[in-house]
Protein backbone atom coordinates (compact mmCIF):
# COMPACT_ATOMS: atom_id res chain seq x y z
CA MET A 1 55.67 98.31 121.73
CA SER A 2 54.38 95.16 119.96
CA HIS A 3 55.94 93.70 116.86
CA GLN A 4 54.47 94.07 113.38
CA LEU A 5 54.75 91.96 110.23
CA ARG A 6 55.22 93.18 106.65
CA LEU A 7 56.65 92.07 103.32
CA ALA A 8 60.44 92.12 103.18
CA THR A 9 62.23 94.44 100.75
CA GLU A 10 65.78 94.65 99.45
CA ALA A 11 66.42 97.38 102.03
CA ASP A 12 66.00 94.72 104.73
CA LEU A 13 68.82 92.56 103.33
CA ALA A 14 71.55 93.71 105.73
CA ALA A 15 69.38 93.21 108.83
CA ILE A 16 68.19 89.81 107.58
CA MET A 17 71.75 88.67 106.91
CA GLU A 18 72.85 89.76 110.37
CA LEU A 19 70.08 87.65 111.91
CA GLU A 20 70.72 84.80 109.44
CA ASN A 21 74.35 84.52 110.51
CA VAL A 22 73.53 84.67 114.22
CA SER A 23 70.78 82.06 113.88
CA PHE A 24 72.30 79.52 111.51
CA GLY A 25 76.07 79.89 111.73
CA ASN A 26 77.65 77.35 109.37
CA ASP A 27 74.28 76.77 107.65
CA SER A 28 73.80 80.46 106.80
CA TRP A 29 73.03 81.48 103.23
CA SER A 30 75.39 83.87 101.50
CA ARG A 31 74.36 87.47 100.92
CA PRO A 32 73.97 86.99 97.12
CA THR A 33 71.81 83.90 97.67
CA MET A 34 69.60 85.70 100.17
CA ARG A 35 69.23 88.70 97.89
CA ALA A 36 68.25 86.44 94.99
CA GLU A 37 65.64 84.80 97.21
CA LEU A 38 64.20 88.13 98.32
CA MET A 39 63.91 89.42 94.76
CA ALA A 40 62.69 86.23 93.07
CA PRO A 41 59.16 86.41 91.56
CA HIS A 42 58.15 83.05 93.02
CA THR A 43 59.01 83.83 96.67
CA THR A 44 57.30 85.65 99.51
CA TYR A 45 59.47 86.93 102.35
CA LEU A 46 58.16 88.51 105.53
CA VAL A 47 59.89 90.40 108.31
CA ALA A 48 58.78 91.05 111.88
CA HIS A 49 59.96 94.39 113.22
CA GLN A 50 59.80 96.19 116.52
CA ASP A 51 60.99 99.76 117.06
CA GLU A 52 62.33 99.70 113.45
CA LYS A 53 64.51 96.67 114.26
CA ILE A 54 64.12 93.38 112.40
CA VAL A 55 63.41 90.70 115.01
CA GLY A 56 62.36 87.86 112.71
CA TYR A 57 61.93 86.82 109.09
CA ALA A 58 60.60 83.91 107.04
CA GLY A 59 60.34 82.94 103.39
CA LEU A 60 58.06 80.87 101.15
CA SER A 61 58.65 79.56 97.65
CA LYS A 62 55.71 78.75 95.36
CA VAL A 63 56.22 78.17 91.62
CA ALA A 64 53.12 78.90 89.57
CA SER A 65 53.21 75.54 87.77
CA SER A 66 53.36 73.56 91.02
CA SER A 67 50.64 72.75 93.55
CA SER A 68 53.16 72.60 96.40
CA ALA A 69 55.03 75.31 98.29
CA ASP A 70 58.18 75.26 100.42
CA ILE A 71 59.09 77.10 103.60
CA GLN A 72 62.58 78.28 102.73
CA THR A 73 63.69 79.69 106.06
CA ILE A 74 62.46 81.18 109.32
CA SER A 75 64.30 82.83 112.21
CA VAL A 76 63.47 84.90 115.29
CA ARG A 77 65.95 86.69 117.55
CA ASP A 78 66.66 84.91 120.82
CA SER A 79 65.55 88.01 122.74
CA HIS A 80 62.12 87.97 121.07
CA ARG A 81 61.24 84.29 121.20
CA ARG A 82 58.13 83.01 123.00
CA ALA A 83 56.26 86.11 121.86
CA GLY A 84 54.41 84.30 119.07
CA ILE A 85 56.48 85.87 116.26
CA GLY A 86 57.52 82.59 114.65
CA ARG A 87 53.97 81.32 114.74
CA GLU A 88 52.61 84.49 113.13
CA LEU A 89 55.24 84.37 110.40
CA MET A 90 54.37 80.75 109.65
CA GLN A 91 50.64 81.40 109.63
CA MET A 92 51.01 84.29 107.20
CA LEU A 93 53.13 82.12 104.89
CA ILE A 94 50.55 79.31 105.09
CA GLU A 95 47.82 81.80 104.23
CA GLN A 96 49.91 83.09 101.32
CA ALA A 97 50.43 79.54 100.04
CA SER A 98 46.68 78.99 100.19
CA LYS A 99 46.04 82.19 98.24
CA LEU A 100 48.50 80.93 95.60
CA SER A 101 46.41 77.72 95.33
CA ALA A 102 49.00 75.46 96.93
CA THR A 103 47.56 72.21 98.27
CA GLU A 104 50.60 71.25 100.36
CA ILE A 105 53.61 72.88 102.03
CA TYR A 106 56.97 71.25 102.74
CA LEU A 107 59.82 72.19 105.07
CA GLU A 108 62.97 70.72 106.57
CA VAL A 109 63.97 71.17 110.20
CA ARG A 110 67.09 70.07 112.08
CA GLU A 111 66.57 66.91 114.06
CA ASP A 112 68.30 68.49 117.05
CA LYS A 113 65.82 71.40 117.21
CA PRO A 114 62.71 70.12 119.09
CA ALA A 115 61.16 73.56 119.70
CA PRO A 116 60.54 74.49 116.04
CA ARG A 117 59.40 70.94 115.30
CA LYS A 118 56.79 71.26 118.04
CA LEU A 119 55.58 74.55 116.56
CA TYR A 120 55.25 73.03 113.09
CA GLU A 121 53.34 70.07 114.50
CA GLN A 122 50.94 72.46 116.27
CA LEU A 123 50.35 74.17 112.93
CA GLY A 124 49.40 70.84 111.34
CA PHE A 125 52.68 69.72 109.76
CA GLU A 126 53.43 65.99 109.91
CA ARG A 127 56.74 64.17 109.66
CA ILE A 128 57.11 62.30 106.36
CA ASP A 129 60.85 61.63 105.98
CA ARG A 130 64.31 61.84 107.53
CA ARG A 131 67.44 62.84 105.61
CA GLU A 132 70.70 61.66 107.14
CA ASN A 133 73.59 64.17 107.44
CA TYR A 134 71.55 66.85 105.64
CA TYR A 135 72.98 69.81 107.55
CA GLN A 136 76.71 70.17 106.96
CA PRO A 137 79.35 70.47 108.29
CA ASP A 138 77.50 69.49 111.49
CA GLY A 139 76.26 66.18 110.06
CA VAL A 140 72.78 66.69 111.55
CA ALA A 141 69.81 64.91 110.01
CA ALA A 142 66.84 66.82 108.58
CA ILE A 143 63.24 65.98 109.42
CA VAL A 144 61.02 66.56 106.38
CA MET A 145 57.52 67.76 107.25
CA ARG A 146 54.39 68.32 105.17
CA LEU A 147 51.19 70.32 105.67
CA ALA A 148 48.13 69.53 103.56
CA ILE A 149 46.12 72.68 102.89
CA SER A 150 42.38 72.20 103.01
CA THR A 151 40.69 72.67 99.64
CA THR A 152 38.00 74.60 101.50
CA ALA A 153 40.49 77.32 102.44
CA LYS A 154 39.92 80.65 100.75
CA SER A 155 40.96 84.22 101.39
CA GLU A 156 37.57 85.45 102.63
CA PRO A 157 35.20 82.58 103.39
CA VAL A 158 31.58 83.34 104.19
CA VAL A 159 30.87 81.51 107.44
CA LEU A 160 27.60 81.10 109.31
CA GLY A 161 28.00 80.64 113.07
CA ILE A 162 25.46 79.12 115.46
CA GLU A 163 25.66 79.77 119.21
CA THR A 164 23.30 78.02 121.67
CA SER A 165 25.43 77.43 124.76
CA CYS A 166 23.06 79.09 127.25
CA ASP A 167 19.90 81.19 126.94
CA GLU A 168 20.64 83.16 123.78
CA THR A 169 20.16 81.85 120.26
CA GLY A 170 22.81 83.57 118.18
CA ILE A 171 23.31 83.42 114.43
CA GLY A 172 26.23 85.35 112.98
CA ILE A 173 27.61 85.61 109.46
CA VAL A 174 31.07 86.88 108.57
CA ARG A 175 33.08 87.20 105.40
CA GLY A 176 36.69 86.69 106.41
CA THR A 177 37.18 89.36 109.05
CA THR A 178 34.10 91.39 108.09
CA LEU A 179 30.88 91.16 110.10
CA LEU A 180 27.83 90.74 107.87
CA ALA A 181 25.13 89.88 110.41
CA ASN A 182 24.74 89.27 114.13
CA VAL A 183 21.24 88.33 115.25
CA ILE A 184 20.41 87.26 118.81
CA SER A 185 17.16 85.87 120.19
CA SER A 186 17.14 85.78 123.99
CA SER A 187 14.94 83.58 126.17
CA MET A 188 15.82 85.59 129.28
CA ASP A 189 12.23 86.59 129.99
CA GLN A 190 11.22 82.92 130.19
CA HIS A 191 13.78 82.32 132.94
CA ALA A 192 13.03 85.46 134.94
CA ARG A 193 10.41 83.93 137.24
CA PHE A 194 12.89 81.20 138.23
CA GLY A 195 15.65 83.69 139.02
CA GLY A 196 18.12 81.92 136.72
CA VAL A 197 18.51 79.89 133.54
CA VAL A 198 16.54 76.63 133.43
CA PRO A 199 18.33 74.27 131.00
CA GLU A 200 15.19 72.56 129.67
CA ILE A 201 13.51 75.88 128.96
CA ALA A 202 16.64 77.18 127.26
CA ALA A 203 16.85 74.13 124.97
CA ARG A 204 13.20 74.43 123.98
CA ALA A 205 13.59 78.15 123.31
CA HIS A 206 16.53 77.47 120.98
CA LEU A 207 14.41 75.02 118.99
CA GLU A 208 11.66 77.61 118.61
CA ALA A 209 13.99 80.50 117.71
CA LEU A 210 16.56 78.94 115.39
CA GLU A 211 14.78 79.10 112.06
CA ALA A 212 13.56 82.69 112.42
CA THR A 213 16.94 83.85 113.72
CA LEU A 214 18.70 82.17 110.80
CA GLN A 215 16.44 83.78 108.24
CA LYS A 216 16.89 87.21 109.84
CA ALA A 217 20.69 86.82 109.76
CA LEU A 218 20.66 85.90 106.06
CA GLN A 219 18.40 88.88 105.37
CA ASP A 220 20.66 91.27 107.30
CA ALA A 221 23.73 89.93 105.49
CA GLY A 222 22.04 90.31 102.11
CA ILE A 223 22.88 86.77 101.04
CA THR A 224 21.19 83.40 100.55
CA ILE A 225 22.05 80.09 102.15
CA LYS A 226 23.78 79.10 98.88
CA ASP A 227 26.40 81.83 99.48
CA ILE A 228 27.61 80.17 102.69
CA ASP A 229 31.04 78.52 102.43
CA ALA A 230 31.04 76.83 105.84
CA VAL A 231 28.94 76.32 108.97
CA ALA A 232 30.33 76.75 112.48
CA VAL A 233 28.77 75.89 115.82
CA THR A 234 29.56 75.98 119.53
CA ASN A 235 30.06 72.47 120.87
CA GLY A 236 31.16 73.56 124.36
CA PRO A 237 31.43 74.61 127.06
CA GLY A 238 27.82 75.30 127.99
CA LEU A 239 24.52 73.66 128.89
CA ALA A 240 24.45 70.18 127.36
CA GLY A 241 20.84 70.29 126.18
CA ALA A 242 21.18 73.76 124.70
CA LEU A 243 24.41 72.79 122.93
CA MET A 244 22.76 69.71 121.43
CA VAL A 245 20.12 71.86 119.74
CA GLY A 246 22.71 74.05 118.05
CA VAL A 247 25.02 71.19 117.07
CA GLY A 248 22.13 69.18 115.65
CA ALA A 249 20.90 72.13 113.61
CA ALA A 250 24.39 72.96 112.35
CA LYS A 251 25.05 69.40 111.22
CA ALA A 252 21.73 69.21 109.43
CA LEU A 253 22.38 72.52 107.69
CA ALA A 254 25.93 71.56 106.67
CA VAL A 255 24.70 68.29 105.16
CA ALA A 256 21.76 69.98 103.44
CA ILE A 257 23.91 72.59 101.68
CA ASP A 258 26.93 70.26 101.31
CA LYS A 259 29.36 72.54 103.15
CA PRO A 260 32.08 71.82 105.74
CA ILE A 261 31.35 72.24 109.43
CA TYR A 262 33.62 73.54 112.19
CA ALA A 263 33.13 72.79 115.91
CA VAL A 264 34.13 75.86 117.93
CA ASN A 265 35.13 76.40 121.56
CA HIS A 266 32.82 78.99 123.11
CA LEU A 267 35.47 80.61 125.32
CA VAL A 268 38.09 81.00 122.60
CA ALA A 269 35.42 82.41 120.29
CA HIS A 270 34.88 85.30 122.73
CA VAL A 271 38.46 86.33 121.99
CA ALA A 272 37.97 85.99 118.23
CA VAL A 273 35.49 88.88 118.10
CA ASP A 274 38.43 91.28 118.29
CA VAL A 275 39.31 90.17 114.75
CA LEU A 276 35.99 91.60 113.55
CA GLU A 277 36.83 95.02 114.98
CA ARG A 278 40.42 95.46 113.85
CA GLY A 279 41.12 92.77 111.27
CA LYS A 280 43.53 90.70 113.35
CA LEU A 281 44.17 89.69 116.92
CA GLU A 282 47.29 91.18 118.45
CA THR A 283 49.07 88.48 120.44
CA PRO A 284 50.02 87.60 123.02
CA THR A 285 47.02 88.84 124.95
CA VAL A 286 45.21 88.02 128.18
CA ALA A 287 41.45 87.62 127.96
CA LEU A 288 39.07 88.09 130.89
CA LEU A 289 35.74 86.40 130.14
CA VAL A 290 32.92 87.18 132.57
CA SER A 291 29.36 85.94 132.12
CA GLY A 292 26.57 84.11 133.87
CA GLY A 293 28.23 80.77 133.21
CA HIS A 294 31.93 81.55 132.96
CA THR A 295 34.59 83.56 134.74
CA SER A 296 37.89 82.71 133.09
CA LEU A 297 41.35 84.14 132.47
CA LEU A 298 43.01 83.01 129.24
CA LEU A 299 46.54 83.58 127.97
CA VAL A 300 46.31 83.72 124.18
CA ARG A 301 49.65 83.30 122.45
CA ASP A 302 47.95 82.20 119.25
CA LEU A 303 44.20 82.23 118.62
CA LEU A 304 44.11 78.90 116.80
CA ASN A 305 46.85 76.85 118.38
CA ASP A 306 48.01 78.21 121.72
CA VAL A 307 45.36 79.31 124.24
CA GLU A 308 46.09 78.55 127.89
CA LEU A 309 43.55 78.62 130.70
CA LEU A 310 45.27 80.55 133.50
CA GLY A 311 42.38 80.45 135.93
CA GLU A 312 38.63 80.21 136.37
CA THR A 313 35.97 80.32 139.03
CA ILE A 314 35.97 77.42 141.49
CA ASP A 315 32.31 77.97 142.39
CA ASP A 316 29.82 80.58 141.12
CA ALA A 317 30.58 82.58 138.01
CA ALA A 318 30.46 86.35 138.48
CA GLY A 319 27.17 86.61 136.60
CA GLU A 320 25.59 83.99 138.84
CA ALA A 321 26.75 85.90 141.90
CA PHE A 322 25.08 89.06 140.60
CA ASP A 323 21.82 87.14 140.05
CA LYS A 324 21.86 85.59 143.53
CA ILE A 325 22.65 88.85 145.33
CA ALA A 326 19.93 90.59 143.34
CA ARG A 327 17.45 88.09 144.81
CA VAL A 328 18.81 88.77 148.32
CA LEU A 329 18.24 92.49 147.75
CA GLY A 330 14.77 92.00 146.27
CA LEU A 331 15.85 93.04 142.78
CA SER A 332 14.64 91.44 139.58
CA TYR A 333 16.42 89.04 137.18
CA PRO A 334 18.88 89.34 135.53
CA GLY A 335 20.74 90.70 138.52
CA GLY A 336 23.72 92.33 136.79
CA PRO A 337 21.91 95.29 135.19
CA GLU A 338 19.70 95.77 138.27
CA ILE A 339 22.60 95.90 140.72
CA ASP A 340 24.53 98.16 138.35
CA LYS A 341 21.58 100.57 138.25
CA VAL A 342 20.99 100.63 142.01
CA ALA A 343 24.71 100.82 142.86
CA LYS A 344 25.08 104.16 141.07
CA ASN A 345 23.36 105.79 144.05
CA GLY A 346 25.33 103.88 146.68
CA ASP A 347 28.65 104.17 148.50
CA ALA A 348 31.11 101.52 147.27
CA LYS A 349 33.19 101.97 150.44
CA ALA A 350 30.30 101.64 152.87
CA ILE A 351 30.91 97.92 153.52
CA ARG A 352 34.20 96.07 153.10
CA PHE A 353 33.08 92.76 151.63
CA PRO A 354 35.71 89.99 151.18
CA ARG A 355 37.77 89.60 148.01
CA GLY A 356 37.83 85.87 147.32
CA LEU A 357 41.14 84.03 146.77
CA THR A 358 43.28 87.15 147.13
CA LEU A 359 44.96 86.43 150.48
CA PRO A 360 48.63 85.32 150.44
CA LYS A 361 47.65 81.82 151.60
CA ASP A 362 45.45 81.43 148.50
CA GLN A 363 47.97 82.63 145.93
CA GLU A 364 50.05 79.46 145.55
CA LYS A 365 47.10 77.30 144.49
CA HIS A 366 44.63 79.90 143.21
CA LEU A 367 46.78 82.66 141.74
CA TYR A 368 44.40 83.34 138.84
CA ASN A 369 41.30 81.48 140.05
CA PHE A 370 38.13 83.18 141.28
CA SER A 371 35.63 82.47 144.04
CA PHE A 372 32.44 84.42 144.71
CA SER A 373 30.76 81.98 147.12
CA GLY A 374 32.24 83.60 150.22
CA LEU A 375 31.34 87.06 148.99
CA LYS A 376 27.78 85.97 148.28
CA THR A 377 27.49 84.54 151.81
CA ALA A 378 28.96 87.68 153.38
CA VAL A 379 26.42 89.90 151.62
CA ALA A 380 23.51 87.66 152.62
CA ARG A 381 24.65 87.60 156.27
CA HIS A 382 25.07 91.38 156.32
CA VAL A 383 21.49 91.85 155.13
CA GLU A 384 20.11 89.18 157.49
CA LEU A 385 21.92 90.65 160.49
CA ALA A 386 20.69 94.17 159.78
CA GLU A 387 17.12 92.96 159.33
CA SER A 388 17.27 90.89 162.56
CA LYS A 389 18.23 94.07 164.43
CA GLY A 390 15.41 96.01 162.82
CA GLU A 391 17.87 98.23 160.98
CA GLN A 392 17.10 99.65 157.58
CA VAL A 393 19.29 98.12 154.89
CA SER A 394 20.70 100.53 152.33
CA ILE A 395 20.15 98.55 149.14
CA ALA A 396 22.25 101.05 147.19
CA ASP A 397 25.24 100.79 149.55
CA VAL A 398 25.12 96.99 149.66
CA ALA A 399 24.84 96.80 145.88
CA ALA A 400 27.69 99.26 145.36
CA SER A 401 29.95 97.54 147.90
CA PHE A 402 29.21 94.10 146.47
CA ARG A 403 29.82 95.30 142.91
CA GLU A 404 33.10 96.90 143.99
CA ALA A 405 34.32 93.64 145.54
CA VAL A 406 33.57 91.68 142.36
CA VAL A 407 35.14 94.28 140.09
CA ASP A 408 38.23 94.63 142.29
CA VAL A 409 38.97 90.91 142.14
CA LEU A 410 38.30 90.60 138.41
CA VAL A 411 40.46 93.52 137.37
CA THR A 412 43.26 92.86 139.85
CA LYS A 413 43.71 89.26 138.75
CA ALA A 414 43.50 90.18 135.07
CA ILE A 415 46.17 92.87 135.38
CA ASN A 416 48.36 90.56 137.47
CA ALA A 417 48.08 87.95 134.73
CA CYS A 418 49.22 90.50 132.15
CA GLN A 419 52.16 91.68 134.23
CA ASP A 420 53.25 88.22 135.39
CA ASN A 421 53.32 86.92 131.81
CA GLY A 422 54.76 90.03 130.20
CA VAL A 423 51.63 90.62 128.12
CA PRO A 424 50.87 94.26 127.17
CA ARG A 425 47.16 93.91 126.37
CA LEU A 426 43.89 92.73 127.88
CA ILE A 427 40.62 91.81 126.16
CA LEU A 428 37.30 91.73 128.00
CA GLY A 429 34.41 89.51 126.96
CA GLY A 430 31.11 88.14 128.25
CA GLY A 431 27.80 89.69 129.22
CA VAL A 432 29.00 91.02 132.60
CA ILE A 433 31.30 93.38 130.68
CA ALA A 434 28.19 95.56 130.31
CA ASN A 435 28.69 96.50 133.97
CA SER A 436 29.65 100.17 133.96
CA ARG A 437 31.89 99.98 137.05
CA LEU A 438 33.84 97.04 135.64
CA ARG A 439 34.54 98.91 132.43
CA ASP A 440 35.52 102.12 134.24
CA VAL A 441 37.87 100.40 136.69
CA ALA A 442 39.43 98.27 133.97
CA GLU A 443 40.12 101.35 131.84
CA ALA A 444 41.67 103.28 134.74
CA ARG A 445 43.76 100.38 136.07
CA CYS A 446 45.00 99.35 132.62
CA GLN A 447 45.99 102.91 131.77
CA GLU A 448 47.89 103.14 135.05
CA ALA A 449 49.69 99.84 134.35
CA GLY A 450 50.47 100.68 130.72
CA ILE A 451 48.28 97.85 129.41
CA GLU A 452 46.23 98.19 126.23
CA LEU A 453 42.57 97.45 126.94
CA ARG A 454 40.25 96.02 124.31
CA ILE A 455 36.49 96.03 124.98
CA PRO A 456 34.37 94.93 121.99
CA VAL A 457 30.99 96.52 121.40
CA LEU A 458 28.41 95.06 123.77
CA SER A 459 26.63 93.08 121.02
CA LEU A 460 29.87 91.16 120.49
CA CYS A 461 30.61 90.74 124.21
CA THR A 462 27.51 88.72 125.00
CA ASP A 463 27.07 85.21 123.60
CA ASN A 464 26.59 85.55 119.84
CA GLY A 465 26.94 83.65 116.60
CA ALA A 466 29.33 86.19 115.06
CA MET A 467 32.12 85.18 117.42
CA ILE A 468 31.63 81.52 116.44
CA ALA A 469 31.75 82.38 112.75
CA SER A 470 34.79 84.61 113.28
CA LEU A 471 36.87 81.88 114.90
CA ALA A 472 35.87 79.36 112.24
CA ALA A 473 36.79 81.82 109.48
CA GLN A 474 40.24 82.15 110.99
CA LYS A 475 40.59 78.36 110.98
CA ILE A 476 39.57 78.17 107.33
CA MET A 477 41.94 80.93 106.26
CA ALA A 478 44.76 79.15 108.09
CA GLY A 479 44.04 75.99 106.10
CA MET A 480 42.76 73.96 109.04
CA GLU A 481 40.64 70.91 108.25
CA PRO A 482 36.91 70.99 109.07
CA SER A 483 35.40 68.85 111.81
CA LYS A 484 33.99 65.43 111.11
CA LEU A 485 30.25 65.01 111.47
CA ASP A 486 30.60 62.64 114.42
CA PHE A 487 31.68 65.33 116.92
CA GLY A 488 29.48 65.75 119.97
CA VAL A 489 28.78 68.34 122.63
CA TYR A 490 31.09 68.81 125.59
CA SER A 491 29.57 70.87 128.38
CA THR A 492 32.96 71.31 130.11
CA LEU A 493 35.07 71.60 126.95
CA PRO A 494 38.56 72.84 127.88
CA VAL A 495 40.34 75.53 125.87
């Protein structure tokens, strides 16, 4: 069972004191002092609980007459550390300080505690002072840290997101965690005769579609451009030319309406769509992102500050493999839907195609990486050999067997990543998630393994502007500073 956060009450005092004494020893507050803190009108105390047991707590002080706030204390049980609890507690206190109109937050941390200092630095705190012998009777110095809260932060910012990383022009608008509009203009038909995305055509299509897509999104959201609080845009990874169109448009728009701009990582944004469906992202989580350009496994401990790339494809992405095999089988572009349709009438066990990077010899170096090049070659050779012998090729069986090989590798590695890292949930994202077999196998295998599976609605799985706006909104509500206008595009932007 995952932990949950809520406001602390006086009934939590005994459990908090028990954890206080274990965590801080000689530095522990007394019970009367802690009670006074919990009940004070100028404080906010949170507890993290799991199975009705308090596993962490944290407190914030913000006096109405002051523009600054103070983190009073924070503690997490040793047995529940590295689960993101401390980070979530801190982020909720930062958000609370922002709601109370604080412009800066202060805290002290023991000099001999590098782990919490690293967390605070990741959240944007900077060292501003050192106090000798602050913690007694140990005589340990205190490091004073400060976080400046962006003046653009607000509880529910209206954010417009622009996504142009590949062949779909996406404009999304969100208010906080609420989806207002999600409009997508695809140039897929223009690429069909080439059997894949042509970067120059994609860039030109974005230029032609942006204005109309923007106006439709504003109309769907029922707002005007003056109601926008911030602009967000994908600056990578993706096709360089396509990214440049979106980034250029976003910068121009931000300057024109005098609003801040946020550069957003495309892969992390795929995970952020879950916020639009249930208000927050449960962490830690593993994310499997599968599209025409990306096949990646992410470990998300914190959406804004701690996303780790566990593995990715070392050659073709899964979507590319579907497109190439569709051409081998004489099917039209895009290959994913066509193979999915044909495979429904085929036997998935008819041909045992290879599962790339799953042999023991591959595990040490490519535990969570993917490869579909060998599979693609095996399918092509199977078809060529049958045709050279004058045998009739069962398109349905080949399609079903190929699809099964892809799905098997994707789901197996995703579940292994969850189990190896002790993560109880998996999120799927990317256009290939529309594949019916992938969804069915993922649901069955996750249920068997006791893993919670999250699959957003298809319109939020494919590349879209709503996911870009969603991630930026989370940054704003966490008090993160906007990007400077001199940022560029990064076609291989890491997470």
